[in-house]
Amino acid sequence: MTEDKTICPHCGQKMKKWRTPDFSTWTAEYFYVCFNDDCLYFVRGWSYMEKTMKSGCSYRYRYDPDTGYCGPIPVWSRDALKSSILED
């Protein structure tokens, strides 16, 4: 059985399809992003970024279906990026 990369490994919730910005350097038309505001990856990101980068931001977990890359996408607020969620 193959691993479902659209499930966040940090909180177990299904990630949402998110439209990448026009004219970005990303090749994918969309990513899967965890928009669970209670996900520990997102929650702990605020203090980690403040402590290590002196920055008031966090990150959400993402999966790029074109490249297979999984990792952070930066956010500057709880609502950042949510306007580009693609509803199924």
PDB file of N, CA and C in Angstrom:
ATOM      1  N   MET A   1       0.851  -1.188   0.000  1.00  0.00           N
ATOM      2  CA  MET A   1       0.000   0.000   0.000  1.00  0.00           C
ATOM      3  C   MET A   1       0.893   1.247   0.000  1.00  0.00           C
ATOM      4  N   THR A   2       0.517   2.258  -0.767  1.00  0.00           N
ATOM      5  CA  THR A   2       1.304   3.481  -0.849  1.00  0.00           C
ATOM      6  C   THR A   2       0.805   4.507   0.166  1.00  0.00           C
ATOM      7  N   GLU A   3       1.730   5.341   0.579  1.00  0.00           N
ATOM      8  CA  GLU A   3       1.426   6.393   1.540  1.00  0.00           C
ATOM      9  C   GLU A   3       0.629   7.509   0.856  1.00  0.00           C
ATOM     10  N   ASP A   4      -0.414   7.994   1.521  1.00  0.00           N
ATOM     11  CA  ASP A   4      -1.215   9.105   0.993  1.00  0.00           C
ATOM     12  C   ASP A   4      -0.545  10.405   1.411  1.00  0.00           C
ATOM     13  N   LYS A   5       0.119  11.067   0.481  1.00  0.00           N
ATOM     14  CA  LYS A   5       0.857  12.288   0.793  1.00  0.00           C
ATOM     15  C   LYS A   5      -0.052  13.498   0.967  1.00  0.00           C
ATOM     16  N   THR A   6      -1.355  13.323   0.753  1.00  0.00           N
ATOM     17  CA  THR A   6      -2.279  14.438   0.960  1.00  0.00           C
ATOM     18  C   THR A   6      -2.809  14.457   2.392  1.00  0.00           C
ATOM     19  N   ILE A   7      -2.300  13.562   3.228  1.00  0.00           N
ATOM     20  CA  ILE A   7      -2.628  13.553   4.653  1.00  0.00           C
ATOM     21  C   ILE A   7      -1.441  14.142   5.403  1.00  0.00           C
ATOM     22  N   CYS A   8      -1.677  15.139   6.246  1.00  0.00           N
ATOM     23  CA  CYS A   8      -0.593  15.773   6.995  1.00  0.00           C
ATOM     24  C   CYS A   8      -0.020  14.772   8.001  1.00  0.00           C
ATOM     25  N   PRO A   9       1.294  14.525   7.954  1.00  0.00           N
ATOM     26  CA  PRO A   9       1.890  13.587   8.897  1.00  0.00           C
ATOM     27  C   PRO A   9       1.995  14.136  10.319  1.00  0.00           C
ATOM     28  N   HIS A  10       1.743  15.421  10.491  1.00  0.00           N
ATOM     29  CA  HIS A  10       1.864  16.054  11.802  1.00  0.00           C
ATOM     30  C   HIS A  10       0.556  16.058  12.584  1.00  0.00           C
ATOM     31  N   CYS A  11      -0.573  16.067  11.874  1.00  0.00           N
ATOM     32  CA  CYS A  11      -1.869  16.101  12.574  1.00  0.00           C
ATOM     33  C   CYS A  11      -2.850  15.053  12.064  1.00  0.00           C
ATOM     34  N   GLY A  12      -2.535  14.429  10.930  1.00  0.00           N
ATOM     35  CA  GLY A  12      -3.393  13.381  10.394  1.00  0.00           C
ATOM     36  C   GLY A  12      -4.600  13.859   9.610  1.00  0.00           C
ATOM     37  N   GLN A  13      -4.730  15.162   9.394  1.00  0.00           N
ATOM     38  CA  GLN A  13      -5.878  15.680   8.644  1.00  0.00           C
ATOM     39  C   GLN A  13      -5.581  15.730   7.149  1.00  0.00           C
ATOM     40  N   LYS A  14      -6.643  15.596   6.372  1.00  0.00           N
ATOM     41  CA  LYS A  14      -6.549  15.720   4.912  1.00  0.00           C
ATOM     42  C   LYS A  14      -6.159  17.157   4.574  1.00  0.00           C
ATOM     43  N   MET A  15      -5.141  17.316   3.743  1.00  0.00           N
ATOM     44  CA  MET A  15      -4.714  18.651   3.347  1.00  0.00           C
ATOM     45  C   MET A  15      -5.615  19.161   2.225  1.00  0.00           C
ATOM     46  N   LYS A  16      -5.666  20.469   2.095  1.00  0.00           N
ATOM     47  CA  LYS A  16      -6.514  21.094   1.082  1.00  0.00           C
ATOM     48  C   LYS A  16      -5.682  21.431  -0.150  1.00  0.00           C
ATOM     49  N   LYS A  17      -6.352  21.365  -1.287  1.00  0.00           N
ATOM     50  CA  LYS A  17      -5.715  21.759  -2.546  1.00  0.00           C
ATOM     51  C   LYS A  17      -5.621  23.285  -2.542  1.00  0.00           C
ATOM     52  N   TRP A  18      -4.433  23.799  -2.830  1.00  0.00           N
ATOM     53  CA  TRP A  18      -4.164  25.237  -2.801  1.00  0.00           C
ATOM     54  C   TRP A  18      -3.538  25.664  -4.126  1.00  0.00           C
ATOM     55  N   ARG A  19      -4.132  26.672  -4.744  1.00  0.00           N
ATOM     56  CA  ARG A  19      -3.646  27.165  -6.045  1.00  0.00           C
ATOM     57  C   ARG A  19      -2.362  27.967  -5.854  1.00  0.00           C
ATOM     58  N   THR A  20      -1.321  27.592  -6.584  1.00  0.00           N
ATOM     59  CA  THR A  20      -0.066  28.343  -6.521  1.00  0.00           C
ATOM     60  C   THR A  20      -0.256  29.681  -7.244  1.00  0.00           C
ATOM     61  N   PRO A  21       0.494  30.694  -6.843  1.00  0.00           N
ATOM     62  CA  PRO A  21       0.331  32.014  -7.453  1.00  0.00           C
ATOM     63  C   PRO A  21       0.718  32.017  -8.938  1.00  0.00           C
ATOM     64  N   ASP A  22       0.024  32.848  -9.699  1.00  0.00           N
ATOM     65  CA  ASP A  22       0.415  33.068 -11.090  1.00  0.00           C
ATOM     66  C   ASP A  22       1.828  33.631 -11.116  1.00  0.00           C
ATOM     67  N   PHE A  23       2.590  33.252 -12.101  1.00  0.00           N
ATOM     68  CA  PHE A  23       3.948  33.761 -12.321  1.00  0.00           C
ATOM     69  C   PHE A  23       4.930  33.352 -11.220  1.00  0.00           C
ATOM     70  N   SER A  24       4.601  32.295 -10.463  1.00  0.00           N
ATOM     71  CA  SER A  24       5.567  31.806  -9.475  1.00  0.00           C
ATOM     72  C   SER A  24       6.574  30.907 -10.182  1.00  0.00           C
ATOM     73  N   THR A  25       7.617  30.560  -9.493  1.00  0.00           N
ATOM     74  CA  THR A  25       8.627  29.666 -10.070  1.00  0.00           C
ATOM     75  C   THR A  25       8.261  28.197  -9.848  1.00  0.00           C
ATOM     76  N   TRP A  26       7.182  27.926  -9.140  1.00  0.00           N
ATOM     77  CA  TRP A  26       6.727  26.555  -8.930  1.00  0.00           C
ATOM     78  C   TRP A  26       6.105  26.029 -10.210  1.00  0.00           C
ATOM     79  N   THR A  27       6.340  24.773 -10.524  1.00  0.00           N
ATOM     80  CA  THR A  27       5.796  24.181 -11.746  1.00  0.00           C
ATOM     81  C   THR A  27       4.379  23.654 -11.555  1.00  0.00           C
ATOM     82  N   ALA A  28       4.028  23.304 -10.338  1.00  0.00           N
ATOM     83  CA  ALA A  28       2.698  22.741 -10.060  1.00  0.00           C
ATOM     84  C   ALA A  28       1.632  23.834 -10.103  1.00  0.00           C
ATOM     85  N   GLU A  29       0.458  23.473 -10.600  1.00  0.00           N
ATOM     86  CA  GLU A  29      -0.672  24.405 -10.581  1.00  0.00           C
ATOM     87  C   GLU A  29      -1.245  24.530  -9.182  1.00  0.00           C
ATOM     88  N   TYR A  30      -1.040  23.488  -8.381  1.00  0.00           N
ATOM     89  CA  TYR A  30      -1.551  23.507  -7.009  1.00  0.00           C
ATOM     90  C   TYR A  30      -0.663  22.635  -6.120  1.00  0.00           C
ATOM     91  N   PHE A  31      -0.706  22.928  -4.824  1.00  0.00           N
ATOM     92  CA  PHE A  31      -0.085  22.107  -3.789  1.00  0.00           C
ATOM     93  C   PHE A  31      -1.203  21.586  -2.903  1.00  0.00           C
ATOM     94  N   TYR A  32      -0.875  20.629  -2.076  1.00  0.00           N
ATOM     95  CA  TYR A  32      -1.732  20.244  -0.962  1.00  0.00           C
ATOM     96  C   TYR A  32      -1.102  20.863   0.281  1.00  0.00           C
ATOM     97  N   VAL A  33      -1.906  21.623   1.032  1.00  0.00           N
ATOM     98  CA  VAL A  33      -1.403  22.349   2.199  1.00  0.00           C
ATOM     99  C   VAL A  33      -2.286  22.028   3.396  1.00  0.00           C
ATOM    100  N   CYS A  34      -1.641  21.846   4.555  1.00  0.00           N
ATOM    101  CA  CYS A  34      -2.391  21.612   5.790  1.00  0.00           C
ATOM    102  C   CYS A  34      -2.839  22.963   6.346  1.00  0.00           C
ATOM    103  N   PHE A  35      -4.140  23.196   6.337  1.00  0.00           N
ATOM    104  CA  PHE A  35      -4.695  24.438   6.871  1.00  0.00           C
ATOM    105  C   PHE A  35      -5.338  24.236   8.237  1.00  0.00           C
ATOM    106  N   ASN A  36      -4.979  23.165   8.922  1.00  0.00           N
ATOM    107  CA  ASN A  36      -5.464  22.930  10.280  1.00  0.00           C
ATOM    108  C   ASN A  36      -4.726  23.880  11.223  1.00  0.00           C
ATOM    109  N   ASP A  37      -5.438  24.848  11.789  1.00  0.00           N
ATOM    110  CA  ASP A  37      -4.817  25.833  12.674  1.00  0.00           C
ATOM    111  C   ASP A  37      -4.337  25.229  13.985  1.00  0.00           C
ATOM    112  N   ASP A  38      -4.742  24.005  14.288  1.00  0.00           N
ATOM    113  CA  ASP A  38      -4.296  23.318  15.498  1.00  0.00           C
ATOM    114  C   ASP A  38      -3.161  22.332  15.234  1.00  0.00           C
ATOM    115  N   CYS A  39      -2.715  22.220  13.992  1.00  0.00           N
ATOM    116  CA  CYS A  39      -1.615  21.321  13.634  1.00  0.00           C
ATOM    117  C   CYS A  39      -0.348  21.786  14.367  1.00  0.00           C
ATOM    118  N   LEU A  40       0.323  20.864  15.049  1.00  0.00           N
ATOM    119  CA  LEU A  40       1.505  21.241  15.822  1.00  0.00           C
ATOM    120  C   LEU A  40       2.639  21.775  14.947  1.00  0.00           C
ATOM    121  N   TYR A  41       2.736  21.341  13.711  1.00  0.00           N
ATOM    122  CA  TYR A  41       3.750  21.862  12.784  1.00  0.00           C
ATOM    123  C   TYR A  41       3.565  23.375  12.624  1.00  0.00           C
ATOM    124  N   PHE A  42       2.331  23.807  12.416  1.00  0.00           N
ATOM    125  CA  PHE A  42       1.988  25.227  12.279  1.00  0.00           C
ATOM    126  C   PHE A  42       2.111  25.946  13.624  1.00  0.00           C
ATOM    127  N   VAL A  43       1.551  25.372  14.673  1.00  0.00           N
ATOM    128  CA  VAL A  43       1.531  26.006  15.997  1.00  0.00           C
ATOM    129  C   VAL A  43       2.949  26.240  16.514  1.00  0.00           C
ATOM    130  N   ARG A  44       3.795  25.227  16.436  1.00  0.00           N
ATOM    131  CA  ARG A  44       5.172  25.343  16.944  1.00  0.00           C
ATOM    132  C   ARG A  44       6.043  26.218  16.051  1.00  0.00           C
ATOM    133  N   GLY A  45       5.628  26.394  14.801  1.00  0.00           N
ATOM    134  CA  GLY A  45       6.401  27.206  13.867  1.00  0.00           C
ATOM    135  C   GLY A  45       6.555  28.653  14.301  1.00  0.00           C
ATOM    136  N   TRP A  46       5.547  29.201  14.963  1.00  0.00           N
ATOM    137  CA  TRP A  46       5.609  30.602  15.407  1.00  0.00           C
ATOM    138  C   TRP A  46       6.786  30.809  16.355  1.00  0.00           C
ATOM    139  N   SER A  47       6.903  29.976  17.384  1.00  0.00           N
ATOM    140  CA  SER A  47       7.995  30.153  18.346  1.00  0.00           C
ATOM    141  C   SER A  47       9.346  29.779  17.734  1.00  0.00           C
ATOM    142  N   TYR A  48       9.359  28.746  16.884  1.00  0.00           N
ATOM    143  CA  TYR A  48      10.612  28.363  16.241  1.00  0.00           C
ATOM    144  C   TYR A  48      11.157  29.494  15.373  1.00  0.00           C
ATOM    145  N   MET A  49      10.309  30.101  14.576  1.00  0.00           N
ATOM    146  CA  MET A  49      10.758  31.180  13.695  1.00  0.00           C
ATOM    147  C   MET A  49      11.165  32.426  14.485  1.00  0.00           C
ATOM    148  N   GLU A  50      10.461  32.700  15.573  1.00  0.00           N
ATOM    149  CA  GLU A  50      10.830  33.848  16.413  1.00  0.00           C
ATOM    150  C   GLU A  50      12.190  33.594  17.062  1.00  0.00           C
ATOM    151  N   LYS A  51      12.397  32.404  17.572  1.00  0.00           N
ATOM    152  CA  LYS A  51      13.630  32.060  18.273  1.00  0.00           C
ATOM    153  C   LYS A  51      14.831  31.981  17.325  1.00  0.00           C
ATOM    154  N   THR A  52      14.656  31.379  16.165  1.00  0.00           N
ATOM    155  CA  THR A  52      15.794  31.148  15.272  1.00  0.00           C
ATOM    156  C   THR A  52      16.010  32.245  14.241  1.00  0.00           C
ATOM    157  N   MET A  53      14.937  32.903  13.817  1.00  0.00           N
ATOM    158  CA  MET A  53      15.055  33.897  12.741  1.00  0.00           C
ATOM    159  C   MET A  53      14.632  35.298  13.164  1.00  0.00           C
ATOM    160  N   LYS A  54      14.155  35.428  14.405  1.00  0.00           N
ATOM    161  CA  LYS A  54      13.647  36.728  14.889  1.00  0.00           C
ATOM    162  C   LYS A  54      12.574  37.258  13.948  1.00  0.00           C
ATOM    163  N   SER A  55      11.688  36.343  13.532  1.00  0.00           N
ATOM    164  CA  SER A  55      10.654  36.669  12.559  1.00  0.00           C
ATOM    165  C   SER A  55       9.284  36.277  13.091  1.00  0.00           C
ATOM    166  N   GLY A  56       8.309  37.133  12.905  1.00  0.00           N
ATOM    167  CA  GLY A  56       6.940  36.875  13.352  1.00  0.00           C
ATOM    168  C   GLY A  56       6.128  36.133  12.304  1.00  0.00           C
ATOM    169  N   CYS A  57       6.583  34.943  11.947  1.00  0.00           N
ATOM    170  CA  CYS A  57       5.870  34.148  10.955  1.00  0.00           C
ATOM    171  C   CYS A  57       5.902  32.682  11.379  1.00  0.00           C
ATOM    172  N   SER A  58       5.237  31.848  10.611  1.00  0.00           N
ATOM    173  CA  SER A  58       5.247  30.407  10.845  1.00  0.00           C
ATOM    174  C   SER A  58       5.283  29.734   9.478  1.00  0.00           C
ATOM    175  N   TYR A  59       4.888  28.480   9.442  1.00  0.00           N
ATOM    176  CA  TYR A  59       4.833  27.731   8.195  1.00  0.00           C
ATOM    177  C   TYR A  59       3.777  26.648   8.316  1.00  0.00           C
ATOM    178  N   ARG A  60       3.292  26.224   7.185  1.00  0.00           N
ATOM    179  CA  ARG A  60       2.339  25.123   7.103  1.00  0.00           C
ATOM    180  C   ARG A  60       2.997  24.008   6.299  1.00  0.00           C
ATOM    181  N   TYR A  61       2.553  22.785   6.539  1.00  0.00           N
ATOM    182  CA  TYR A  61       3.094  21.634   5.823  1.00  0.00           C
ATOM    183  C   TYR A  61       2.472  21.564   4.439  1.00  0.00           C
ATOM    184  N   ARG A  62       3.284  21.270   3.423  1.00  0.00           N
ATOM    185  CA  ARG A  62       2.774  21.198   2.051  1.00  0.00           C
ATOM    186  C   ARG A  62       3.361  20.010   1.316  1.00  0.00           C
ATOM    187  N   TYR A  63       2.634  19.615   0.291  1.00  0.00           N
ATOM    188  CA  TYR A  63       3.063  18.557  -0.616  1.00  0.00           C
ATOM    189  C   TYR A  63       2.900  19.064  -2.039  1.00  0.00           C
ATOM    190  N   ASP A  64       3.974  18.998  -2.819  1.00  0.00           N
ATOM    191  CA  ASP A  64       3.975  19.406  -4.221  1.00  0.00           C
ATOM    192  C   ASP A  64       3.810  18.145  -5.070  1.00  0.00           C
ATOM    193  N   PRO A  65       2.646  17.947  -5.699  1.00  0.00           N
ATOM    194  CA  PRO A  65       2.430  16.721  -6.465  1.00  0.00           C
ATOM    195  C   PRO A  65       3.286  16.618  -7.737  1.00  0.00           C
ATOM    196  N   ASP A  66       3.813  17.731  -8.241  1.00  0.00           N
ATOM    197  CA  ASP A  66       4.673  17.683  -9.433  1.00  0.00           C
ATOM    198  C   ASP A  66       6.057  17.126  -9.117  1.00  0.00           C
ATOM    199  N   THR A  67       6.625  17.568  -7.995  1.00  0.00           N
ATOM    200  CA  THR A  67       7.999  17.174  -7.660  1.00  0.00           C
ATOM    201  C   THR A  67       8.069  16.102  -6.584  1.00  0.00           C
ATOM    202  N   GLY A  68       6.990  15.950  -5.815  1.00  0.00           N
ATOM    203  CA  GLY A  68       7.004  15.019  -4.694  1.00  0.00           C
ATOM    204  C   GLY A  68       7.568  15.626  -3.422  1.00  0.00           C
ATOM    205  N   TYR A  69       7.976  16.911  -3.480  1.00  0.00           N
ATOM    206  CA  TYR A  69       8.546  17.579  -2.314  1.00  0.00           C
ATOM    207  C   TYR A  69       7.498  17.772  -1.224  1.00  0.00           C
ATOM    208  N   CYS A  70       7.892  17.500   0.003  1.00  0.00           N
ATOM    209  CA  CYS A  70       7.073  17.765   1.184  1.00  0.00           C
ATOM    210  C   CYS A  70       7.892  18.643   2.116  1.00  0.00           C
ATOM    211  N   GLY A  71       7.274  19.680   2.654  1.00  0.00           N
ATOM    212  CA  GLY A  71       7.996  20.560   3.570  1.00  0.00           C
ATOM    213  C   GLY A  71       7.207  21.813   3.849  1.00  0.00           C
ATOM    214  N   PRO A  72       7.880  22.841   4.356  1.00  0.00           N
ATOM    215  CA  PRO A  72       7.175  24.046   4.794  1.00  0.00           C
ATOM    216  C   PRO A  72       6.825  25.001   3.659  1.00  0.00           C
ATOM    217  N   ILE A  73       5.734  25.722   3.885  1.00  0.00           N
ATOM    218  CA  ILE A  73       5.419  26.896   3.071  1.00  0.00           C
ATOM    219  C   ILE A  73       5.186  28.020   4.082  1.00  0.00           C
ATOM    220  N   PRO A  74       5.882  29.153   3.954  1.00  0.00           N
ATOM    221  CA  PRO A  74       5.791  30.208   4.958  1.00  0.00           C
ATOM    222  C   PRO A  74       4.437  30.912   4.970  1.00  0.00           C
ATOM    223  N   VAL A  75       4.027  31.311   6.178  1.00  0.00           N
ATOM    224  CA  VAL A  75       2.798  32.095   6.355  1.00  0.00           C
ATOM    225  C   VAL A  75       3.065  33.198   7.377  1.00  0.00           C
ATOM    226  N   TRP A  76       2.410  34.318   7.204  1.00  0.00           N
ATOM    227  CA  TRP A  76       2.607  35.472   8.067  1.00  0.00           C
ATOM    228  C   TRP A  76       1.419  35.705   8.999  1.00  0.00           C
ATOM    229  N   SER A  77       0.360  34.911   8.836  1.00  0.00           N
ATOM    230  CA  SER A  77      -0.809  35.005   9.711  1.00  0.00           C
ATOM    231  C   SER A  77      -1.590  33.695   9.626  1.00  0.00           C
ATOM    232  N   ARG A  78      -2.568  33.522  10.505  1.00  0.00           N
ATOM    233  CA  ARG A  78      -3.412  32.320  10.473  1.00  0.00           C
ATOM    234  C   ARG A  78      -4.200  32.228   9.167  1.00  0.00           C
ATOM    235  N   ASP A  79      -4.561  33.374   8.599  1.00  0.00           N
ATOM    236  CA  ASP A  79      -5.386  33.394   7.395  1.00  0.00           C
ATOM    237  C   ASP A  79      -4.591  33.475   6.095  1.00  0.00           C
ATOM    238  N   ALA A  80      -3.284  33.657   6.199  1.00  0.00           N
ATOM    239  CA  ALA A  80      -2.455  33.763   4.994  1.00  0.00           C
ATOM    240  C   ALA A  80      -2.623  32.524   4.127  1.00  0.00           C
ATOM    241  N   LEU A  81      -2.774  32.721   2.851  1.00  0.00           N
ATOM    242  CA  LEU A  81      -2.900  31.693   1.797  1.00  0.00           C
ATOM    243  C   LEU A  81      -4.299  31.082   1.694  1.00  0.00           C
ATOM    244  N   LYS A  82      -5.140  31.276   2.684  1.00  0.00           N
ATOM    245  CA  LYS A  82      -6.449  30.602   2.686  1.00  0.00           C
ATOM    246  C   LYS A  82      -7.348  31.063   1.547  1.00  0.00           C
ATOM    247  N   SER A  83      -7.136  32.258   1.020  1.00  0.00           N
ATOM    248  CA  SER A  83      -7.995  32.741  -0.073  1.00  0.00           C
ATOM    249  C   SER A  83      -7.771  31.974  -1.377  1.00  0.00           C
ATOM    250  N   SER A  84      -6.700  31.204  -1.456  1.00  0.00           N
ATOM    251  CA  SER A  84      -6.412  30.442  -2.684  1.00  0.00           C
ATOM    252  C   SER A  84      -6.699  28.943  -2.551  1.00  0.00           C
ATOM    253  N   ILE A  85      -7.456  28.579  -1.519  1.00  0.00           N
ATOM    254  CA  ILE A  85      -7.851  27.170  -1.371  1.00  0.00           C
ATOM    255  C   ILE A  85      -8.818  26.827  -2.490  1.00  0.00           C
ATOM    256  N   LEU A  86      -8.590  25.689  -3.130  1.00  0.00           N
ATOM    257  CA  LEU A  86      -9.468  25.189  -4.196  1.00  0.00           C
ATOM    258  C   LEU A  86     -10.413  24.160  -3.584  1.00  0.00           C
ATOM    259  N   GLU A  87     -11.665  24.478  -3.520  1.00  0.00           N
ATOM    260  CA  GLU A  87     -12.650  23.551  -2.971  1.00  0.00           C
ATOM    261  C   GLU A  87     -12.917  22.441  -3.972  1.00  0.00           C
ATOM    262  N   ASP A  88     -12.939  21.215  -3.508  1.00  0.00           N
ATOM    263  CA  ASP A  88     -13.228  20.069  -4.388  1.00  0.00           C
ATOM    264  C   ASP A  88     -14.679  19.975  -4.743  1.00  0.00           C
TER     265      ASP A  88
END
